[in-house]
N, C-alpha and C. Protein backbone atom coordinates (compact mmCIF):
# COMPACT_ATOMS: atom_id res chain seq x y z
N MET A 1 140.07 110.66 79.16
CA MET A 1 138.94 111.54 79.07
C MET A 1 138.25 111.67 80.76
N GLU A 2 138.28 113.11 80.77
CA GLU A 2 137.59 113.63 82.08
C GLU A 2 136.01 113.68 83.00
N MET A 3 135.00 113.57 83.08
CA MET A 3 133.73 112.70 83.24
C MET A 3 133.51 114.88 83.95
N SER A 4 132.28 115.11 83.78
CA SER A 4 131.48 116.46 84.21
C SER A 4 131.06 115.48 85.59
N LYS A 5 130.92 116.56 87.47
CA LYS A 5 130.84 116.53 88.08
C LYS A 5 128.88 114.99 88.29
N GLU A 6 128.59 115.82 87.49
CA GLU A 6 127.59 114.34 87.61
C GLU A 6 127.55 113.62 87.25
N HIS A 7 128.86 113.00 86.55
CA HIS A 7 128.20 111.98 86.07
C HIS A 7 129.65 110.99 86.50
N ARG A 8 130.39 111.77 87.63
CA ARG A 8 130.74 110.65 88.38
C ARG A 8 131.21 110.05 90.00
N GLU A 9 131.95 108.55 89.72
CA GLU A 9 131.53 107.45 90.05
C GLU A 9 131.00 107.94 91.41
N PRO A 10 129.78 106.50 91.27
CA PRO A 10 129.00 106.77 93.04
C PRO A 10 129.89 105.87 94.01
N ASN A 11 131.11 105.83 94.04
CA ASN A 11 131.66 105.16 95.27
C ASN A 11 132.83 106.32 96.09
N ARG A 12 132.48 107.15 94.74
CA ARG A 12 133.91 107.73 94.87
C ARG A 12 134.05 108.85 96.25
N GLU A 13 135.34 109.91 96.26
CA GLU A 13 135.18 110.39 98.10
C GLU A 13 134.10 112.20 97.06
N LEU A 14 133.20 112.24 98.82
CA LEU A 14 133.49 114.24 97.91
C LEU A 14 134.16 115.60 98.26
N ASP A 15 134.21 115.74 97.42
CA ASP A 15 135.01 116.84 97.96
C ASP A 15 134.38 118.64 98.67
N ALA A 16 134.48 119.14 99.20
CA ALA A 16 134.59 119.99 99.87
C ALA A 16 133.28 120.93 98.85
N GLU A 17 133.32 121.33 97.73
CA GLU A 17 131.58 121.80 97.05
C GLU A 17 131.17 120.85 96.47
N ASP A 18 131.07 119.78 97.33
CA ASP A 18 129.62 118.57 96.47
C ASP A 18 128.81 118.71 98.09
N VAL A 19 129.40 119.02 99.38
CA VAL A 19 129.63 119.15 101.00
C VAL A 19 128.41 120.06 100.99
N LEU A 20 128.97 120.84 99.79
CA LEU A 20 128.48 122.53 100.40
C LEU A 20 126.92 122.16 99.93
N ASN A 21 127.45 121.74 98.37
CA ASN A 21 125.48 121.32 97.86
C ASN A 21 125.23 120.66 98.63
N LEU A 22 125.36 120.28 99.01
CA LEU A 22 124.37 118.25 99.91
C LEU A 22 124.12 119.25 100.51
N ASP A 23 124.33 119.70 101.81
CA ASP A 23 124.64 120.98 102.97
C ASP A 23 122.62 121.89 102.85
N ASP A 24 123.09 122.40 101.54
CA ASP A 24 121.99 123.46 100.72
C ASP A 24 120.98 122.54 100.83
N CYS A 25 120.80 121.31 100.12
CA CYS A 25 119.94 120.23 99.10
C CYS A 25 119.45 120.08 101.02
N ARG A 26 119.62 120.01 102.04
CA ARG A 26 118.83 119.27 103.40
C ARG A 26 118.78 120.88 103.65
N GLN A 27 118.97 121.99 103.05
CA GLN A 27 118.46 122.35 103.69
C GLN A 27 117.22 122.68 102.91
N ALA A 28 116.88 123.48 101.68
CA ALA A 28 116.46 123.12 101.05
C ALA A 28 115.13 122.32 101.02
N LEU A 29 115.25 121.34 101.42
CA LEU A 29 114.51 119.52 101.28
C LEU A 29 113.61 120.26 103.39
N LYS A 30 114.52 120.68 104.07
CA LYS A 30 113.62 121.56 105.40
C LYS A 30 113.40 122.52 105.28
N ALA A 31 113.36 122.92 104.21
CA ALA A 31 112.00 124.16 104.46
C ALA A 31 110.93 124.15 103.25
N CYS A 32 110.96 122.98 102.64
CA CYS A 32 109.98 121.89 101.41
C CYS A 32 109.08 121.67 102.15
N ARG A 33 109.59 120.69 103.06
CA ARG A 33 109.07 120.00 104.35
C ARG A 33 107.87 121.20 105.98
N GLN A 34 108.80 122.34 105.92
CA GLN A 34 107.52 122.58 106.60
C GLN A 34 106.96 123.37 106.01
N GLU A 35 107.04 123.66 104.55
CA GLU A 35 106.16 124.27 103.39
C GLU A 35 104.94 123.38 103.49
N SER A 36 105.36 122.27 103.33
CA SER A 36 104.76 121.16 102.41
C SER A 36 104.06 120.74 103.97
N GLU A 37 104.11 121.01 104.67
CA GLU A 37 103.72 120.74 106.87
C GLU A 37 102.44 121.76 106.49
N GLN A 38 103.10 122.84 106.50
CA GLN A 38 101.53 124.31 106.65
C GLN A 38 101.05 124.57 105.96
N ARG A 39 100.93 123.57 104.69
CA ARG A 39 100.31 123.36 103.35
C ARG A 39 99.24 121.90 103.92
N GLN A 40 99.48 121.24 104.41
CA GLN A 40 98.53 120.22 104.71
C GLN A 40 98.25 120.77 105.93
N GLN A 41 98.93 122.07 106.25
CA GLN A 41 97.52 122.15 108.11
C GLN A 41 96.39 123.02 108.01
N SER A 42 96.31 123.81 106.26
CA SER A 42 95.39 124.94 106.39
C SER A 42 95.09 123.30 105.56
N PHE A 43 95.12 123.18 104.66
CA PHE A 43 94.61 122.73 103.86
C PHE A 43 93.61 121.72 104.61
N LEU A 44 93.56 121.30 106.02
CA LEU A 44 92.78 119.85 106.56
C LEU A 44 92.35 121.47 107.18
N ARG A 45 92.31 122.27 107.95
CA ARG A 45 91.59 123.27 108.70
C ARG A 45 90.51 123.42 107.70
N ALA A 46 90.54 124.01 105.80
CA ALA A 46 89.75 124.26 105.53
C ALA A 46 88.48 122.95 105.14
N ARG A 47 88.94 122.01 104.98
CA ARG A 47 88.22 121.52 105.03
C ARG A 47 87.56 121.08 106.12
N ALA A 48 88.18 120.98 107.45
CA ALA A 48 87.49 121.43 109.21
C ALA A 48 86.55 122.34 108.00
N ASP A 49 87.20 123.86 108.68
CA ASP A 49 85.60 124.64 107.50
C ASP A 49 84.50 124.21 107.04
N LEU A 50 85.26 123.26 105.61
CA LEU A 50 84.29 123.38 104.51
C LEU A 50 82.83 122.22 105.05
N ASP A 51 83.12 121.36 105.99
CA ASP A 51 82.35 120.22 107.11
C ASP A 51 80.92 120.92 107.60
N ASN A 52 82.24 122.17 108.02
CA ASN A 52 81.22 122.74 109.25
C ASN A 52 80.04 123.29 108.62
N LEU A 53 80.28 124.06 107.96
CA LEU A 53 79.88 125.39 107.17
C LEU A 53 78.75 123.67 106.58
N ARG A 54 79.07 122.56 105.95
CA ARG A 54 77.98 122.06 105.10
C ARG A 54 77.29 122.03 105.51
N LYS A 55 78.02 120.83 107.39
CA LYS A 55 76.72 120.85 107.94
C LYS A 55 75.05 121.62 108.89
N ARG A 56 76.06 123.09 108.90
CA ARG A 56 75.47 124.15 109.45
C ARG A 56 74.16 124.80 108.47
N THR A 57 74.90 124.63 107.08
CA THR A 57 73.47 124.86 106.43
C THR A 57 72.75 123.64 105.73
N GLU A 58 72.96 122.02 105.68
CA GLU A 58 72.50 121.23 106.37
C GLU A 58 71.09 121.67 107.96
N ARG A 59 71.52 122.05 108.33
CA ARG A 59 70.87 122.63 109.47
C ARG A 59 69.92 123.38 109.49
N GLU A 60 70.55 124.25 108.49
CA GLU A 60 69.50 125.64 108.59
C GLU A 60 68.64 125.07 107.54
N LEU A 61 68.55 124.60 107.14
CA LEU A 61 67.78 123.80 105.71
C LEU A 61 66.83 122.87 106.50
N ALA A 62 67.03 121.59 106.60
CA ALA A 62 65.82 121.75 107.02
C ALA A 62 65.60 122.11 108.73
N ASP A 63 65.36 122.96 109.23
CA ASP A 63 64.65 124.31 109.48
C ASP A 63 63.36 124.94 109.18
N THR A 64 64.10 125.54 107.64
CA THR A 64 63.26 126.68 107.24
C THR A 64 62.48 125.29 106.64
N ARG A 65 62.90 123.94 105.77
CA ARG A 65 61.88 123.52 105.48
C ARG A 65 60.19 122.97 106.63
N LYS A 66 61.03 122.21 107.53
CA LYS A 66 60.06 122.31 109.03
C LYS A 66 58.64 123.44 109.57
N PHE A 67 59.41 124.27 109.32
CA PHE A 67 58.49 126.00 109.50
C PHE A 67 58.65 127.30 108.38
N ALA A 68 58.37 126.52 106.90
CA ALA A 68 58.45 127.07 106.62
C ALA A 68 57.46 127.95 106.17
N VAL A 69 55.84 126.78 107.10
CA VAL A 69 54.35 127.67 106.51
C VAL A 69 54.26 127.71 107.66
N ALA A 70 54.67 128.30 108.84
CA ALA A 70 54.25 128.83 109.98
C ALA A 70 54.20 130.13 109.71
N ASP A 71 55.30 130.64 109.34
CA ASP A 71 54.48 133.05 108.99
C ASP A 71 52.55 132.39 108.65
N LEU A 72 52.30 131.63 107.33
CA LEU A 72 51.46 131.20 106.23
C LEU A 72 50.98 130.76 107.59
N LEU A 73 50.62 129.32 108.75
CA LEU A 73 50.30 129.52 108.75
C LEU A 73 49.37 130.92 110.99
N GLU A 74 50.61 131.50 110.45
CA GLU A 74 50.74 132.71 112.37
C GLU A 74 49.04 133.49 111.43
N ALA A 75 49.46 133.33 110.21
CA ALA A 75 48.54 134.87 109.01
C ALA A 75 46.69 134.27 109.30
N LEU A 76 47.21 132.61 108.87
CA LEU A 76 46.19 131.71 108.44
C LEU A 76 44.97 132.17 109.95
N LEU A 77 45.13 132.23 111.57
CA LEU A 77 45.35 131.50 112.69
C LEU A 77 44.02 131.73 112.60
N PRO A 78 44.27 134.01 112.10
CA PRO A 78 42.52 135.32 111.85
C PRO A 78 41.87 134.34 111.67
N VAL A 79 41.58 134.04 110.21
CA VAL A 79 40.48 133.11 109.54
C VAL A 79 39.67 131.93 110.43
N MET A 80 40.87 131.12 111.38
CA MET A 80 39.89 129.87 111.15
C MET A 80 38.87 130.20 112.41
N ASP A 81 39.41 131.08 113.46
CA ASP A 81 38.71 132.57 114.57
C ASP A 81 37.98 133.09 114.08
N SER A 82 37.83 133.81 112.83
CA SER A 82 36.66 134.30 112.11
C SER A 82 35.14 133.45 112.10
N LEU A 83 36.04 132.73 111.02
CA LEU A 83 34.79 130.81 110.61
C LEU A 83 34.79 130.55 112.10
N GLU A 84 35.39 130.32 112.74
CA GLU A 84 34.56 130.20 114.59
C GLU A 84 33.84 130.81 114.96
N MET A 85 34.57 132.54 114.53
CA MET A 85 33.19 132.73 115.91
C MET A 85 32.00 132.90 114.95
N GLY A 86 32.27 133.24 113.52
CA GLY A 86 31.03 132.43 112.76
C GLY A 86 29.96 131.79 113.26
N LEU A 87 30.59 130.24 112.50
CA LEU A 87 29.47 129.08 113.26
C LEU A 87 29.19 129.51 114.54
N SER A 88 29.65 130.07 115.92
CA SER A 88 28.79 129.75 116.57
C SER A 88 27.68 130.89 116.76
N ALA A 89 27.86 131.83 116.02
CA ALA A 89 27.46 133.56 116.16
C ALA A 89 25.96 132.93 115.41
N ALA A 90 26.40 131.60 114.38
CA ALA A 90 24.77 131.35 113.58
C ALA A 90 23.64 130.66 114.56
N GLY A 91 24.40 129.51 114.92
CA GLY A 91 23.75 129.25 116.62
C GLY A 91 22.75 128.26 116.16
N SER A 92 21.48 127.96 116.66
CA SER A 92 20.23 126.92 115.73
C SER A 92 19.49 128.51 114.90
N GLU A 93 19.61 129.38 114.80
CA GLU A 93 18.90 130.75 114.44
C GLU A 93 19.35 130.27 113.51
N ALA A 94 17.81 130.49 111.93
CA ALA A 94 18.26 131.23 110.46
C ALA A 94 18.29 132.51 110.68
N ASP A 95 19.64 132.37 110.65
CA ASP A 95 19.69 133.94 110.30
C ASP A 95 21.01 134.01 109.41
N ALA A 96 20.25 133.81 107.96
CA ALA A 96 21.26 133.70 106.74
C ALA A 96 22.06 134.50 106.20
N ASP A 97 21.94 135.96 106.79
CA ASP A 97 22.04 137.14 105.85
C ASP A 97 22.68 137.87 107.19
N GLY A 98 23.14 137.41 108.01
CA GLY A 98 24.42 137.70 108.47
C GLY A 98 25.93 136.19 108.75
N LEU A 99 24.90 135.69 108.74
CA LEU A 99 25.64 134.19 108.59
C LEU A 99 26.33 134.62 107.39
N ARG A 100 26.15 135.29 106.44
CA ARG A 100 26.40 135.16 104.85
C ARG A 100 27.11 135.97 104.81
N LYS A 101 27.17 137.39 105.71
CA LYS A 101 28.52 138.45 105.86
C LYS A 101 29.22 138.54 106.59
N GLY A 102 29.35 137.34 107.76
CA GLY A 102 30.06 136.83 109.06
C GLY A 102 31.23 135.45 106.79
N ILE A 103 30.58 135.16 105.92
CA ILE A 103 31.47 134.35 105.51
C ILE A 103 32.43 134.98 104.50
N GLU A 104 30.70 136.17 104.07
CA GLU A 104 32.11 136.66 103.17
C GLU A 104 33.12 138.37 103.70
N LEU A 105 32.63 138.29 104.95
CA LEU A 105 34.13 138.81 105.73
C LEU A 105 35.07 137.92 105.48
N THR A 106 34.74 137.09 106.22
CA THR A 106 36.14 136.23 105.96
C THR A 106 36.41 134.96 105.32
N LEU A 107 36.08 135.34 104.20
CA LEU A 107 36.51 135.33 103.00
C LEU A 107 37.27 136.48 102.30
N GLY A 108 37.34 137.43 102.63
CA GLY A 108 38.42 138.51 102.34
C GLY A 108 39.37 138.55 103.35
N LYS A 109 39.02 138.31 104.53
CA LYS A 109 39.58 138.54 105.04
C LYS A 109 41.73 137.00 104.74
N LEU A 110 40.84 135.77 104.17
CA LEU A 110 41.72 134.61 103.94
C LEU A 110 42.30 135.37 102.30
N ALA A 111 41.81 135.55 101.22
CA ALA A 111 42.31 135.79 100.25
C ALA A 111 43.02 137.20 99.90
N ALA A 112 43.52 138.12 101.62
CA ALA A 112 43.74 139.71 101.70
C ALA A 112 45.18 138.49 102.12
N VAL A 113 44.80 137.02 102.95
CA VAL A 113 46.70 136.36 103.70
C VAL A 113 46.91 135.83 102.57
N LEU A 114 45.91 135.05 101.57
CA LEU A 114 47.32 134.88 100.38
C LEU A 114 47.34 135.43 99.60
N ALA A 115 46.78 136.97 99.11
CA ALA A 115 47.16 137.81 98.37
C ALA A 115 48.92 138.28 98.61
N ASP A 116 49.06 138.27 100.51
CA ASP A 116 50.29 138.63 101.32
C ASP A 116 51.03 137.61 100.77
N PHE A 117 50.72 136.71 100.56
CA PHE A 117 51.83 135.25 100.76
C PHE A 117 52.35 135.01 98.47
N GLY A 118 51.93 135.47 98.44
CA GLY A 118 52.42 135.58 96.70
C GLY A 118 51.09 134.61 96.17
N VAL A 119 49.32 134.06 96.64
CA VAL A 119 48.96 133.35 96.24
C VAL A 119 48.20 134.55 95.09
N GLU A 120 47.70 134.24 94.01
CA GLU A 120 46.67 134.52 93.23
C GLU A 120 45.78 133.66 92.60
N ILE A 121 44.88 133.81 92.57
CA ILE A 121 43.49 133.30 93.05
C ILE A 121 42.95 133.40 90.73
N ILE A 122 42.85 132.13 91.00
CA ILE A 122 42.31 132.20 88.94
C ILE A 122 40.65 131.96 89.38
N ASP A 123 40.18 132.69 88.28
CA ASP A 123 38.93 132.55 88.35
C ASP A 123 38.40 132.96 87.32
N PRO A 124 38.04 132.00 85.94
CA PRO A 124 38.45 131.91 84.19
C PRO A 124 36.85 133.01 83.79
N GLN A 125 35.61 133.05 84.92
CA GLN A 125 35.04 133.04 84.32
C GLN A 125 34.71 134.66 82.60
N GLY A 126 33.64 133.93 82.27
CA GLY A 126 34.26 134.35 80.65
C GLY A 126 34.89 134.84 79.36
N GLN A 127 35.73 134.12 80.33
CA GLN A 127 37.32 134.69 79.61
C GLN A 127 37.95 132.92 77.95
N PRO A 128 38.83 133.53 77.53
CA PRO A 128 39.04 132.58 76.90
C PRO A 128 39.94 131.50 77.44
N PHE A 129 39.27 129.93 77.23
CA PHE A 129 40.35 129.17 77.00
C PHE A 129 41.46 129.03 77.38
N ASP A 130 43.06 128.65 77.71
CA ASP A 130 43.85 128.79 78.23
C ASP A 130 44.58 126.77 78.74
N PRO A 131 44.89 125.80 78.00
CA PRO A 131 44.96 125.24 78.53
C PRO A 131 46.27 125.23 79.69
N GLU A 132 47.15 125.88 79.82
CA GLU A 132 47.95 126.50 80.70
C GLU A 132 46.96 126.53 81.55
N ARG A 133 46.77 126.35 81.65
CA ARG A 133 45.79 128.12 83.22
C ARG A 133 44.85 127.13 83.72
N HIS A 134 43.82 126.27 82.77
CA HIS A 134 42.39 125.52 83.15
C HIS A 134 42.30 124.42 82.18
N GLU A 135 41.53 124.17 83.42
CA GLU A 135 41.10 122.52 83.03
C GLU A 135 39.73 121.89 82.72
N ALA A 136 40.40 121.71 81.05
CA ALA A 136 37.73 121.26 81.11
C ALA A 136 37.58 120.40 81.85
N VAL A 137 36.92 120.15 82.64
CA VAL A 137 35.40 118.82 82.69
C VAL A 137 34.66 119.00 82.07
N MET A 138 34.50 120.59 80.65
CA MET A 138 33.02 119.72 80.53
C MET A 138 32.87 120.66 79.33
N LYS A 139 31.93 120.08 78.65
CA LYS A 139 31.46 121.28 77.38
C LYS A 139 30.84 121.27 77.56
N LEU A 140 29.90 122.24 76.78
CA LEU A 140 28.82 123.11 76.88
C LEU A 140 28.74 123.75 75.59
N SER A 141 27.68 123.51 74.96
CA SER A 141 26.73 123.88 73.66
C SER A 141 26.44 125.47 74.19
N SER A 142 26.87 126.28 73.73
CA SER A 142 25.96 127.75 73.63
C SER A 142 25.75 128.80 72.35
N SER A 143 24.54 128.88 72.41
CA SER A 143 24.28 130.53 70.82
C SER A 143 24.42 131.71 71.57
N ASN A 144 24.43 131.19 73.37
CA ASN A 144 25.48 133.28 73.58
C ASN A 144 26.75 133.11 73.23
N LEU A 145 27.84 132.18 73.01
CA LEU A 145 29.35 131.94 73.61
C LEU A 145 29.17 131.98 72.58
N PRO A 146 30.88 132.47 72.08
CA PRO A 146 31.52 132.22 71.42
C PRO A 146 32.53 131.07 71.85
N ALA A 147 33.29 129.94 70.43
CA ALA A 147 33.34 128.36 71.04
C ALA A 147 35.38 128.79 72.53
N ASN A 148 35.09 128.58 72.99
CA ASN A 148 36.20 127.82 73.85
C ASN A 148 36.63 129.27 74.29
N ILE A 149 35.03 129.06 75.41
CA ILE A 149 35.05 130.37 76.36
C ILE A 149 34.31 129.83 77.91
N VAL A 150 35.24 130.13 78.59
CA VAL A 150 34.47 129.35 79.88
C VAL A 150 33.19 129.90 80.35
N ALA A 151 32.64 128.42 80.46
CA ALA A 151 30.89 128.54 80.99
C ALA A 151 30.48 129.60 82.56
N GLN A 152 31.88 127.88 81.83
CA GLN A 152 30.95 127.67 84.12
C GLN A 152 32.42 127.20 85.38
N VAL A 153 32.69 127.81 86.32
CA VAL A 153 33.85 127.91 86.73
C VAL A 153 33.54 126.77 87.60
N HIS A 154 34.11 125.74 88.26
CA HIS A 154 33.26 124.45 88.48
C HIS A 154 34.77 125.13 89.39
N GLN A 155 36.05 125.07 89.42
CA GLN A 155 36.61 124.82 90.92
C GLN A 155 38.02 126.31 90.38
N LYS A 156 38.03 127.08 91.79
CA LYS A 156 38.79 128.27 91.19
C LYS A 156 40.34 127.18 91.00
N GLY A 157 40.91 128.01 89.91
CA GLY A 157 43.05 127.68 90.05
C GLY A 157 43.67 128.71 90.40
N CYS A 158 44.71 128.48 91.28
CA CYS A 158 46.25 128.62 91.88
C CYS A 158 46.98 128.67 91.67
N LEU A 159 47.74 130.32 91.77
CA LEU A 159 48.85 130.63 91.59
C LEU A 159 49.92 130.71 92.65
N LEU A 160 50.91 130.69 92.71
CA LEU A 160 51.59 131.04 94.04
C LEU A 160 53.05 132.31 93.45
N ASN A 161 53.54 132.86 93.27
CA ASN A 161 54.16 133.36 92.76
C ASN A 161 54.31 133.46 91.21
N GLY A 162 53.15 133.37 90.59
CA GLY A 162 53.58 133.07 89.53
C GLY A 162 53.45 132.00 88.80
N ARG A 163 53.31 131.03 89.73
CA ARG A 163 53.70 128.81 89.29
C ARG A 163 52.36 128.89 90.14
N LEU A 164 51.75 128.03 88.34
CA LEU A 164 50.73 127.10 89.23
C LEU A 164 50.56 126.66 89.74
N ILE A 165 49.69 126.09 91.02
CA ILE A 165 49.10 125.67 91.73
C ILE A 165 48.87 124.46 91.03
N ARG A 166 47.85 125.01 90.55
CA ARG A 166 45.99 124.36 90.55
C ARG A 166 45.16 124.57 89.35
N PRO A 167 44.65 124.07 88.47
CA PRO A 167 44.24 125.06 87.52
C PRO A 167 43.03 124.98 87.64
N ALA A 168 41.82 125.85 86.99
CA ALA A 168 40.65 126.34 86.96
C ALA A 168 39.84 125.13 86.42
N ARG A 169 39.38 124.95 87.56
CA ARG A 169 38.57 123.11 87.07
C ARG A 169 37.53 124.73 86.29
N VAL A 170 36.93 123.66 84.52
CA VAL A 170 35.98 124.88 84.22
C VAL A 170 35.09 124.12 83.09
N ALA A 171 33.82 124.64 82.86
CA ALA A 171 32.63 124.82 81.72
C ALA A 171 33.67 124.75 80.38
N VAL A 172 33.70 124.62 79.11
CA VAL A 172 34.03 125.34 78.22
C VAL A 172 33.05 125.48 77.28
N THR A 173 33.02 126.26 76.33
CA THR A 173 31.37 126.11 75.22
C THR A 173 32.63 125.56 74.57
N THR A 174 31.05 125.01 72.91
CA THR A 174 32.05 124.33 71.77
C THR A 174 30.72 125.37 71.51
N ALA A 175 31.58 125.26 69.30
CA ALA A 175 30.83 125.15 68.99
C ALA A 175 29.33 124.95 68.54
N SER A 176 28.34 126.34 68.08
CA SER A 176 27.20 124.75 67.60
C SER A 176 26.71 124.52 67.19
């Protein structure tokens, strides 16, 4: 019984057809090694690029965090200047009217700066109590107002781009 070429004895001599296949295999192996080396180099370059991108992104994020309030600070400095000028203008005189006007102008400037940065002030005087935006610090009985109405605002609240930063601290009416 004759064996197929794949199942011949290992110690036999190779014929011309086997040698040709061996040369083809060597060339194919060489081509595979070259392709593998190219893919390895490509992978290493991509990995280095990704690592560089990660490091650059971390640096940029750190800088962004470090200087995030720079624009707000720049916008608030004139408000501080106005307060200082108002304080020095008040001097020792009892010109309460002039001081009041100066403070009102400064508050207007501050409100405009805050609005430019997406800040909304919550002033719920006379509105229904909203536990998501208000913090009740007192209860007042009132015959003039219905229950759960904000009767007094002790501290205004603040939203930043729609997100609650600080709830308004209020006194709420109760049923009499």
